[in-house]
C-alpha atoms as a PDB file:
ATOM      1  CA  MET A   1     120.978  90.677  13.627  1.00  0.00           C
ATOM      2  CA  LYS A   2     121.597  87.592  11.483  1.00  0.00           C
ATOM      3  CA  THR A   3     122.729  85.671  14.580  1.00  0.00           C
ATOM      4  CA  ILE A   4     119.507  86.540  16.399  1.00  0.00           C
ATOM      5  CA  LYS A   5     117.386  85.302  13.454  1.00  0.00           C
ATOM      6  CA  ILE A   6     119.306  82.000  13.377  1.00  0.00           C
ATOM      7  CA  PHE A   7     118.901  81.624  17.135  1.00  0.00           C
ATOM      8  CA  ILE A   8     115.130  82.278  16.928  1.00  0.00           C
ATOM      9  CA  ALA A   9     114.721  79.850  13.986  1.00  0.00           C
ATOM     10  CA  THR A  10     116.665  77.165  15.890  1.00  0.00           C
ATOM     11  CA  PHE A  11     114.565  77.736  19.005  1.00  0.00           C
ATOM     12  CA  ILE A  12     111.291  77.442  17.034  1.00  0.00           C
ATOM     13  CA  ALA A  13     112.528  74.251  15.331  1.00  0.00           C
ATOM     14  CA  PHE A  14     113.470  72.789  18.732  1.00  0.00           C
ATOM     15  CA  ILE A  15     110.003  73.550  20.154  1.00  0.00           C
ATOM     16  CA  ALA A  16     108.304  72.018  17.094  1.00  0.00           C
ATOM     17  CA  ILE A  17     110.345  68.809  17.397  1.00  0.00           C
ATOM     18  CA  GLN A  18     109.610  68.525  21.125  1.00  0.00           C
ATOM     19  CA  SER A  19     105.841  68.894  20.621  1.00  0.00           C
ATOM     20  CA  ALA A  20     105.910  66.308  17.802  1.00  0.00           C
ATOM     21  CA  ASN A  21     107.693  63.837  20.112  1.00  0.00           C
ATOM     22  CA  ALA A  22     105.159  64.435  22.872  1.00  0.00           C
ATOM     23  CA  GLN A  23     102.265  63.697  20.510  1.00  0.00           C
ATOM     24  CA  SER A  24     103.820  60.469  19.193  1.00  0.00           C
ATOM     25  CA  ASP A  25     103.843  59.093  22.756  1.00  0.00           C
ATOM     26  CA  LYS A  26     100.021  58.734  22.809  1.00  0.00           C
ATOM     27  CA  THR A  27     100.172  54.970  22.190  1.00  0.00           C
ATOM     28  CA  GLN A  28     101.708  54.550  25.643  1.00  0.00           C
ATOM     29  CA  ARG A  29      99.001  56.525  27.435  1.00  0.00           C
ATOM     30  CA  THR A  30      96.192  54.823  29.286  1.00  0.00           C
ATOM     31  CA  ILE A  31      93.858  57.732  29.896  1.00  0.00           C
ATOM     32  CA  GLY A  32      90.379  56.384  30.501  1.00  0.00           C
ATOM     33  CA  ILE A  33      91.612  52.817  31.062  1.00  0.00           C
ATOM     34  CA  LYS A  34      91.656  51.113  34.448  1.00  0.00           C
ATOM     35  CA  THR A  35      93.802  48.050  35.174  1.00  0.00           C
ATOM     36  CA  GLU A  36      92.792  45.461  37.741  1.00  0.00           C
ATOM     37  CA  ALA A  37      94.225  42.105  38.836  1.00  0.00           C
ATOM     38  CA  ILE A  38      91.661  39.418  39.626  1.00  0.00           C
ATOM     39  CA  LYS A  39      92.356  35.975  41.082  1.00  0.00           C
ATOM     40  CA  VAL A  40      90.736  33.303  38.864  1.00  0.00           C
ATOM     41  CA  SER A  41      91.057  29.556  39.509  1.00  0.00           C
ATOM     42  CA  GLY A  42      92.078  27.292  36.643  1.00  0.00           C
ATOM     43  CA  ASN A  43      94.694  24.814  35.407  1.00  0.00           C
ATOM     44  CA  CYS A  44      95.417  24.758  31.716  1.00  0.00           C
ATOM     45  CA  GLY A  45      95.468  26.468  28.337  1.00  0.00           C
ATOM     46  CA  MET A  46      91.817  25.600  27.775  1.00  0.00           C
ATOM     47  CA  ASP A  47      91.012  27.541  30.950  1.00  0.00           C
ATOM     48  CA  LYS A  48      93.046  30.470  29.635  1.00  0.00           C
ATOM     49  CA  ARG A  49      91.044  30.592  26.402  1.00  0.00           C
ATOM     50  CA  ARG A  50      87.717  30.240  28.228  1.00  0.00           C
ATOM     51  CA  ILE A  51      88.547  32.859  30.886  1.00  0.00           C
ATOM     52  CA  GLU A  52      89.865  35.421  28.406  1.00  0.00           C
ATOM     53  CA  ALA A  53      86.943  34.859  25.992  1.00  0.00           C
ATOM     54  CA  ALA A  54      84.473  35.368  28.846  1.00  0.00           C
ATOM     55  CA  ALA A  55      86.260  38.565  29.881  1.00  0.00           C
ATOM     56  CA  TYR A  56      86.338  39.958  26.331  1.00  0.00           C
ATOM     57  CA  SER A  57      82.596  39.346  25.976  1.00  0.00           C
ATOM     58  CA  VAL A  58      81.895  42.020  28.617  1.00  0.00           C
ATOM     59  CA  ASP A  59      81.264  45.530  27.319  1.00  0.00           C
ATOM     60  CA  GLY A  60      84.104  47.958  28.084  1.00  0.00           C
ATOM     61  CA  VAL A  61      86.915  45.381  28.354  1.00  0.00           C
ATOM     62  CA  LYS A  62      90.000  46.465  26.402  1.00  0.00           C
ATOM     63  CA  SER A  63      92.326  43.575  27.282  1.00  0.00           C
ATOM     64  CA  ALA A  64      92.327  40.427  29.380  1.00  0.00           C
ATOM     65  CA  ASP A  65      95.342  38.220  30.068  1.00  0.00           C
ATOM     66  CA  TRP A  66      95.112  35.260  32.461  1.00  0.00           C
ATOM     67  CA  ASN A  67      98.371  33.788  33.750  1.00  0.00           C
ATOM     68  CA  GLU A  68      98.084  30.034  34.264  1.00  0.00           C
ATOM     69  CA  TYR A  69     100.856  29.913  36.880  1.00  0.00           C
ATOM     70  CA  SER A  70      99.895  32.853  39.089  1.00  0.00           C
ATOM     71  CA  GLN A  71      96.172  32.369  38.345  1.00  0.00           C
ATOM     72  CA  VAL A  72      95.740  36.127  38.017  1.00  0.00           C
ATOM     73  CA  LEU A  73      93.689  37.803  35.307  1.00  0.00           C
ATOM     74  CA  THR A  74      95.064  41.212  34.344  1.00  0.00           C
ATOM     75  CA  LEU A  75      92.079  43.157  33.120  1.00  0.00           C
ATOM     76  CA  LYS A  76      92.037  46.540  31.394  1.00  0.00           C
ATOM     77  CA  TYR A  77      88.692  48.234  30.919  1.00  0.00           C
ATOM     78  CA  SER A  78      87.124  51.615  30.278  1.00  0.00           C
ATOM     79  CA  VAL A  79      86.663  53.794  33.348  1.00  0.00           C
ATOM     80  CA  PHE A  80      83.249  54.673  31.938  1.00  0.00           C
ATOM     81  CA  LYS A  81      82.138  51.067  32.488  1.00  0.00           C
ATOM     82  CA  LYS A  82      82.430  51.055  36.279  1.00  0.00           C
ATOM     83  CA  ASP A  83      80.817  47.640  36.687  1.00  0.00           C
ATOM     84  CA  ALA A  84      82.966  45.934  34.027  1.00  0.00           C
ATOM     85  CA  ALA A  85      85.280  44.179  36.507  1.00  0.00           C
ATOM     86  CA  ASP A  86      82.345  42.789  38.481  1.00  0.00           C
ATOM     87  CA  ASN A  87      80.582  41.730  35.272  1.00  0.00           C
ATOM     88  CA  VAL A  88      83.762  39.971  34.126  1.00  0.00           C
ATOM     89  CA  GLN A  89      83.915  37.995  37.373  1.00  0.00           C
ATOM     90  CA  ARG A  90      80.250  37.022  37.011  1.00  0.00           C
ATOM     91  CA  LYS A  91      80.793  35.957  33.401  1.00  0.00           C
ATOM     92  CA  ILE A  92      83.874  33.877  34.243  1.00  0.00           C
ATOM     93  CA  ALA A  93      81.984  32.130  37.061  1.00  0.00           C
ATOM     94  CA  SER A  94      79.131  31.410  34.636  1.00  0.00           C
ATOM     95  CA  VAL A  95      81.520  29.485  32.345  1.00  0.00           C
ATOM     96  CA  GLY A  96      82.923  27.345  35.169  1.00  0.00           C
ATOM     97  CA  ASN A  97      85.872  29.099  36.820  1.00  0.00           C
ATOM     98  CA  ASP A  98      85.822  30.491  40.364  1.00  0.00           C
ATOM     99  CA  THR A  99      86.883  34.113  40.911  1.00  0.00           C
ATOM    100  CA  GLU A 100      87.602  36.224  43.988  1.00  0.00           C
ATOM    101  CA  LYS A 101      83.961  37.225  44.366  1.00  0.00           C
ATOM    102  CA  TYR A 102      81.944  34.503  42.631  1.00  0.00           C
ATOM    103  CA  LYS A 103      81.974  30.717  42.719  1.00  0.00           C
ATOM    104  CA  ALA A 104      81.035  28.812  39.569  1.00  0.00           C
ATOM    105  CA  ASP A 105      77.871  26.739  39.674  1.00  0.00           C
ATOM    106  CA  ASP A 106      78.701  23.097  40.520  1.00  0.00           C
ATOM    107  CA  ALA A 107      76.819  21.773  37.466  1.00  0.00           C
ATOM    108  CA  VAL A 108      78.805  24.036  35.129  1.00  0.00           C
ATOM    109  CA  TYR A 109      82.095  23.142  36.855  1.00  0.00           C
ATOM    110  CA  GLN A 110      81.363  19.402  36.469  1.00  0.00           C
ATOM    111  CA  LYS A 111      80.935  19.849  32.690  1.00  0.00           C
ATOM    112  CA  LEU A 112      84.499  21.172  32.331  1.00  0.00           C
ATOM    113  CA  PRO A 113      87.048  18.831  30.716  1.00  0.00           C
ATOM    114  CA  ASP A 114      89.068  16.809  33.246  1.00  0.00           C
ATOM    115  CA  CYS A 115      92.245  18.810  32.599  1.00  0.00           C
ATOM    116  CA  CYS A 116      90.414  22.010  33.543  1.00  0.00           C
ATOM    117  CA  LYS A 117      89.176  20.833  36.933  1.00  0.00           C
ATOM    118  CA  TYR A 118      91.056  22.481  39.768  1.00  0.00           C
ATOM    119  CA  GLU A 119      90.938  22.085  43.518  1.00  0.00           C
ATOM    120  CA  ARG A 120      87.978  24.127  44.684  1.00  0.00           C
ATOM    121  CA  LYS A 121      87.686  25.936  47.973  1.00  0.00           C
ATOM    122  CA  GLN A 122      84.612  25.028  49.987  1.00  0.00           C
END
């Protein structure tokens, strides 16, 4: 009888530890977050700051990281803001950088510092 009680107590302790470990893993979960890669033209660190700041200014954006070498913006946003990715592309184009869907206005592009000017597609 004593052996059965020890076995049951051990089993309950094991279950409690497993459920505690499962709950501590919540920081790794991305429920409700969508990730998208967007091509954004640019050259330098100033572009990186401008692109990421424009992305963060859009409601629903959780993170934005533009890679200068691959020229890809990795965007994470709330699934409840379905138009966030499109709004980010519009916002980035409005500050002078071309995206997959939107081309920056020529007047805005011309105001960029010389180091930020990239070869534009016609």
